[in-house]
Amino acid sequence: MRASGYDRHADDWYVEPAWCVDALIQVERPFIGAVLDPCCGGGNIGKRLTCAGVYTVNTDIVDRGGGPVDIVADYHDAIGIVGPKSIVSNPPYGDAQDFVETALTGTMDRVCVLLRLAFLEGQKRREWFKSVPLARVWVSSKRISMPPGGSGVPAKGGAIAYAWFVFEHGYRGLPVIGWLPDAGKNQEESTNNPTPAEYPTGRNPANMTKAAGSGEPGGLLTTILE
């Protein structure tokens, strides 16, 4: 049994809730061009990005049957095949560092990955962070519950702190930390496409062009000091 309270999935596939993807879209600037999720699992990230008017491509090592998979391939191959402008993904935690490095070589804008907040820890990783353009860390104040994909296990109260790590090409300087906006009660565990009433203010699909990725802050940004 892992610290999360869930058994480990063989492929490290864990299902992120829809609201945490919506929250990232709300605080980041608009995504322009193709956005790839190369570890798409059931397709939750791609579905939420599509609802926000973002052109998305979904790939994975296996078609898990939860949503459209455009290419079945390992992320190393998929990133090279698609050549996306940005990547948004919930990658296997054990491969996170390699995933970020690979994603940065195959993109031109941003790489946004949902990882444990503890990814910031470690002396070796501290040195690694100096070599990559980590621009922002969006912390979820609400614990995110991620049950194993395909298990049928319902989401429950999360035990681990998570954050979106945003690596941005051309970024210089220290990373910035911010907080994701709180999820609405009707979005907390939903993985389905929302009705217009379920969108945060200004995020109705009818207003996609104007609202997608509008950069509304979830909390005051603070520079991390060394």
Protein backbone atom coordinates (compact mmCIF):
# COMPACT_ATOMS: atom_id res chain seq x y z
CA MET A 1 0.00 0.00 0.00
CA ARG A 2 1.39 3.40 -1.02
CA ALA A 3 1.35 6.61 1.05
CA SER A 4 -1.69 7.69 -0.98
CA GLY A 5 -3.68 4.79 0.47
CA TYR A 6 -4.05 3.15 -2.98
CA ASP A 7 -2.36 0.04 -4.36
CA ARG A 8 0.26 0.73 -7.00
CA HIS A 9 -0.74 0.50 -10.67
CA ALA A 10 1.69 -1.47 -12.85
CA ASP A 11 2.09 1.45 -15.28
CA ASP A 12 1.90 4.16 -12.60
CA TRP A 13 -1.43 5.28 -14.07
CA TYR A 14 -3.38 7.33 -11.56
CA VAL A 15 -6.47 9.33 -12.41
CA GLU A 16 -6.34 13.06 -11.75
CA PRO A 17 -9.66 14.85 -11.04
CA ALA A 18 -11.05 17.19 -13.65
CA TRP A 19 -10.98 20.24 -11.38
CA CYS A 20 -7.20 20.31 -11.06
CA VAL A 21 -6.85 20.54 -14.85
CA ASP A 22 -9.44 23.31 -14.98
CA ALA A 23 -7.52 25.13 -12.24
CA LEU A 24 -4.30 25.01 -14.26
CA ILE A 25 -6.08 26.41 -17.31
CA GLN A 26 -7.49 29.18 -15.15
CA VAL A 27 -4.15 30.39 -13.82
CA GLU A 28 -1.90 29.90 -16.85
CA ARG A 29 -1.80 32.12 -19.93
CA PRO A 30 -3.56 30.72 -23.03
CA PHE A 31 -2.14 27.66 -24.74
CA ILE A 32 -1.45 28.34 -28.41
CA GLY A 33 -0.90 25.56 -30.92
CA ALA A 34 -1.02 21.81 -30.38
CA VAL A 35 -0.86 20.60 -26.77
CA LEU A 36 0.09 16.97 -26.17
CA ASP A 37 -0.63 14.67 -23.26
CA PRO A 38 1.74 11.74 -23.93
CA CYS A 39 0.57 9.84 -20.82
CA CYS A 40 -3.13 10.42 -21.38
CA GLY A 41 -4.55 7.42 -19.49
CA GLY A 42 -8.31 7.82 -19.62
CA GLY A 43 -8.01 11.16 -21.42
CA ASN A 44 -9.05 13.49 -18.60
CA ILE A 45 -6.44 16.18 -19.29
CA GLY A 46 -7.16 16.23 -23.01
CA LYS A 47 -10.91 16.44 -22.40
CA ARG A 48 -10.56 19.43 -20.10
CA LEU A 49 -8.18 21.24 -22.43
CA THR A 50 -10.53 20.60 -25.34
CA CYS A 51 -13.43 22.03 -23.33
CA ALA A 52 -11.33 25.18 -22.88
CA GLY A 53 -10.83 25.51 -26.64
CA VAL A 54 -7.31 24.07 -26.75
CA TYR A 55 -6.25 21.82 -29.64
CA THR A 56 -5.05 18.61 -27.99
CA VAL A 57 -3.37 15.36 -28.99
CA ASN A 58 -3.60 12.30 -26.72
CA THR A 59 -1.08 9.46 -26.70
CA ASP A 60 -0.12 6.62 -24.33
CA ILE A 61 1.70 3.31 -24.30
CA VAL A 62 -1.69 1.55 -24.20
CA ASP A 63 -5.18 2.51 -25.36
CA ARG A 64 -6.96 2.32 -22.01
CA GLY A 65 -10.41 2.80 -23.48
CA GLY A 66 -11.39 5.86 -21.47
CA GLY A 67 -11.16 8.34 -24.30
CA PRO A 68 -9.68 8.95 -27.75
CA VAL A 69 -6.01 7.94 -28.07
CA ASP A 70 -4.53 9.43 -31.23
CA ILE A 71 -1.26 7.45 -31.11
CA VAL A 72 -0.23 4.40 -29.10
CA ALA A 73 3.44 4.94 -28.30
CA ASP A 74 5.92 5.51 -25.51
CA TYR A 75 6.25 9.18 -24.58
CA HIS A 76 9.79 9.33 -26.00
CA ASP A 77 8.44 8.39 -29.44
CA ALA A 78 5.12 10.23 -29.20
CA ILE A 79 6.70 13.60 -28.43
CA GLY A 80 8.94 13.31 -31.50
CA ILE A 81 6.07 12.19 -33.73
CA VAL A 82 3.64 14.94 -32.69
CA GLY A 83 6.07 17.84 -32.23
CA PRO A 84 3.69 19.78 -29.94
CA LYS A 85 3.98 23.41 -28.94
CA SER A 86 3.33 22.49 -25.29
CA ILE A 87 2.81 19.42 -23.12
CA VAL A 88 0.38 19.04 -20.21
CA SER A 89 0.51 15.69 -18.45
CA ASN A 90 0.34 13.61 -15.29
CA PRO A 91 3.40 11.41 -15.97
CA PRO A 92 4.61 8.37 -14.03
CA TYR A 93 6.31 9.83 -10.96
CA GLY A 94 9.28 7.49 -11.21
CA ASP A 95 10.02 8.79 -14.72
CA ALA A 96 9.23 12.43 -13.98
CA GLN A 97 12.73 13.86 -14.41
CA ASP A 98 13.37 12.00 -17.68
CA PHE A 99 9.86 12.94 -18.83
CA VAL A 100 10.51 16.65 -18.28
CA GLU A 101 13.87 16.51 -20.05
CA THR A 102 12.36 14.66 -23.02
CA ALA A 103 9.37 16.99 -23.15
CA LEU A 104 11.59 20.08 -23.15
CA THR A 105 13.55 18.80 -26.15
CA GLY A 106 10.33 18.35 -28.13
CA THR A 107 8.39 21.54 -27.34
CA MET A 108 8.67 25.27 -27.94
CA ASP A 109 6.44 26.83 -25.26
CA ARG A 110 5.69 25.03 -21.98
CA VAL A 111 5.79 21.69 -20.21
CA CYS A 112 3.23 21.43 -17.39
CA VAL A 113 3.40 18.32 -15.23
CA LEU A 114 1.25 17.29 -12.27
CA LEU A 115 3.59 15.88 -9.62
CA ARG A 116 3.93 15.44 -5.91
CA LEU A 117 5.03 18.66 -4.25
CA ALA A 118 7.91 16.59 -2.81
CA PHE A 119 9.42 16.61 -6.31
CA LEU A 120 11.08 19.83 -5.15
CA GLU A 121 13.10 17.91 -2.57
CA GLY A 122 16.53 16.31 -2.78
CA GLN A 123 20.09 17.58 -3.15
CA LYS A 124 20.65 15.98 -6.54
CA ARG A 125 17.37 17.33 -7.86
CA ARG A 126 18.25 20.81 -6.55
CA GLU A 127 21.23 20.77 -8.91
CA TRP A 128 19.03 19.45 -11.72
CA PHE A 129 16.52 22.26 -11.26
CA LYS A 130 19.30 24.73 -12.03
CA SER A 131 19.58 23.22 -15.51
CA VAL A 132 15.91 23.44 -16.51
CA PRO A 133 13.56 26.45 -16.96
CA LEU A 134 11.21 25.87 -14.02
CA ALA A 135 9.06 29.00 -14.14
CA ARG A 136 6.08 28.33 -11.85
CA VAL A 137 4.87 25.84 -9.24
CA TRP A 138 1.09 25.90 -8.75
CA VAL A 139 0.35 24.27 -5.41
CA SER A 140 -2.99 22.62 -4.71
CA SER A 141 -4.12 23.60 -1.21
CA LYS A 142 -6.74 20.86 -1.47
CA ARG A 143 -5.22 17.38 -1.38
CA ILE A 144 -5.72 15.68 -4.74
CA SER A 145 -7.01 12.11 -4.74
CA MET A 146 -5.71 9.92 -7.59
CA PRO A 147 -7.03 6.33 -7.56
CA PRO A 148 -5.36 3.74 -9.82
CA GLY A 149 -6.71 3.88 -13.35
CA GLY A 150 -9.06 1.12 -14.44
CA SER A 151 -9.44 -0.18 -10.90
CA GLY A 152 -12.95 1.05 -10.24
CA VAL A 153 -11.72 2.36 -6.89
CA PRO A 154 -13.51 5.63 -6.07
CA ALA A 155 -11.55 8.79 -5.29
CA LYS A 156 -11.33 9.58 -1.60
CA GLY A 157 -9.67 12.18 0.58
CA GLY A 158 -6.13 12.69 -0.71
CA ALA A 159 -3.12 12.13 1.55
CA ILE A 160 -0.36 13.64 -0.63
CA ALA A 161 0.35 17.25 -1.61
CA TYR A 162 0.47 17.85 -5.37
CA ALA A 163 1.35 20.77 -7.63
CA TRP A 164 1.58 21.69 -11.28
CA PHE A 165 5.21 22.28 -12.27
CA VAL A 166 5.47 24.61 -15.28
CA PHE A 167 8.70 24.62 -17.28
CA GLU A 168 8.77 27.45 -19.80
CA HIS A 169 11.20 27.80 -22.67
CA GLY A 170 13.17 31.03 -22.44
CA TYR A 171 12.38 31.60 -18.76
CA ARG A 172 15.21 33.08 -16.74
CA GLY A 173 15.38 33.61 -13.00
CA LEU A 174 14.07 31.92 -9.90
CA PRO A 175 10.83 29.94 -10.08
CA VAL A 176 7.64 31.42 -8.71
CA ILE A 177 5.14 29.72 -6.43
CA GLY A 178 1.39 30.22 -6.53
CA TRP A 179 -1.78 28.48 -5.39
CA LEU A 180 -4.47 26.90 -7.51
CA PRO A 181 -8.00 28.26 -7.04
CA ASP A 182 -10.31 26.10 -4.96
CA ALA A 183 -12.51 23.66 -6.84
CA GLY A 184 -16.28 24.05 -6.87
CA LYS A 185 -18.14 21.31 -5.01
CA ASN A 186 -19.68 20.03 -8.24
CA GLN A 187 -16.25 19.67 -9.87
CA GLU A 188 -14.16 18.13 -7.11
CA GLU A 189 -14.26 14.50 -8.19
CA SER A 190 -15.78 14.87 -11.65
CA THR A 191 -13.94 13.45 -14.65
CA ASN A 192 -16.77 14.16 -17.08
CA ASN A 193 -17.28 17.11 -19.38
CA PRO A 194 -19.08 19.84 -17.41
CA THR A 195 -22.29 21.59 -18.22
CA PRO A 196 -21.96 25.37 -18.77
CA ALA A 197 -23.08 26.01 -15.19
CA GLU A 198 -20.17 23.95 -13.86
CA TYR A 199 -17.45 26.10 -15.40
CA PRO A 200 -15.60 28.64 -13.25
CA THR A 201 -16.63 32.24 -13.96
CA GLY A 202 -15.97 33.16 -17.57
CA ARG A 203 -15.07 29.64 -18.70
CA ASN A 204 -18.24 28.66 -20.51
CA PRO A 205 -17.31 27.07 -23.89
CA ALA A 206 -19.34 29.83 -25.56
CA ASN A 207 -16.68 32.25 -24.34
CA MET A 208 -13.66 30.01 -25.08
CA THR A 209 -11.75 32.42 -27.27
CA LYS A 210 -11.92 35.14 -24.67
CA ALA A 211 -11.61 33.08 -21.53
CA ALA A 212 -9.36 30.08 -22.13
CA GLY A 213 -6.27 30.35 -19.97
CA SER A 214 -7.15 33.90 -18.94
CA GLY A 215 -4.52 33.90 -16.22
CA GLU A 216 -6.85 34.65 -13.34
CA PRO A 217 -4.66 34.26 -10.26
CA GLY A 218 -5.37 31.54 -7.73
CA GLY A 219 -3.24 33.31 -5.15
CA LEU A 220 -0.41 35.78 -4.74
CA LEU A 221 2.73 34.69 -6.55
CA THR A 222 5.86 34.70 -4.44
CA THR A 223 9.43 34.26 -5.62
CA ILE A 224 11.15 31.27 -4.06
CA LEU A 225 14.37 32.35 -2.35
CA GLU A 226 17.49 30.20 -2.35
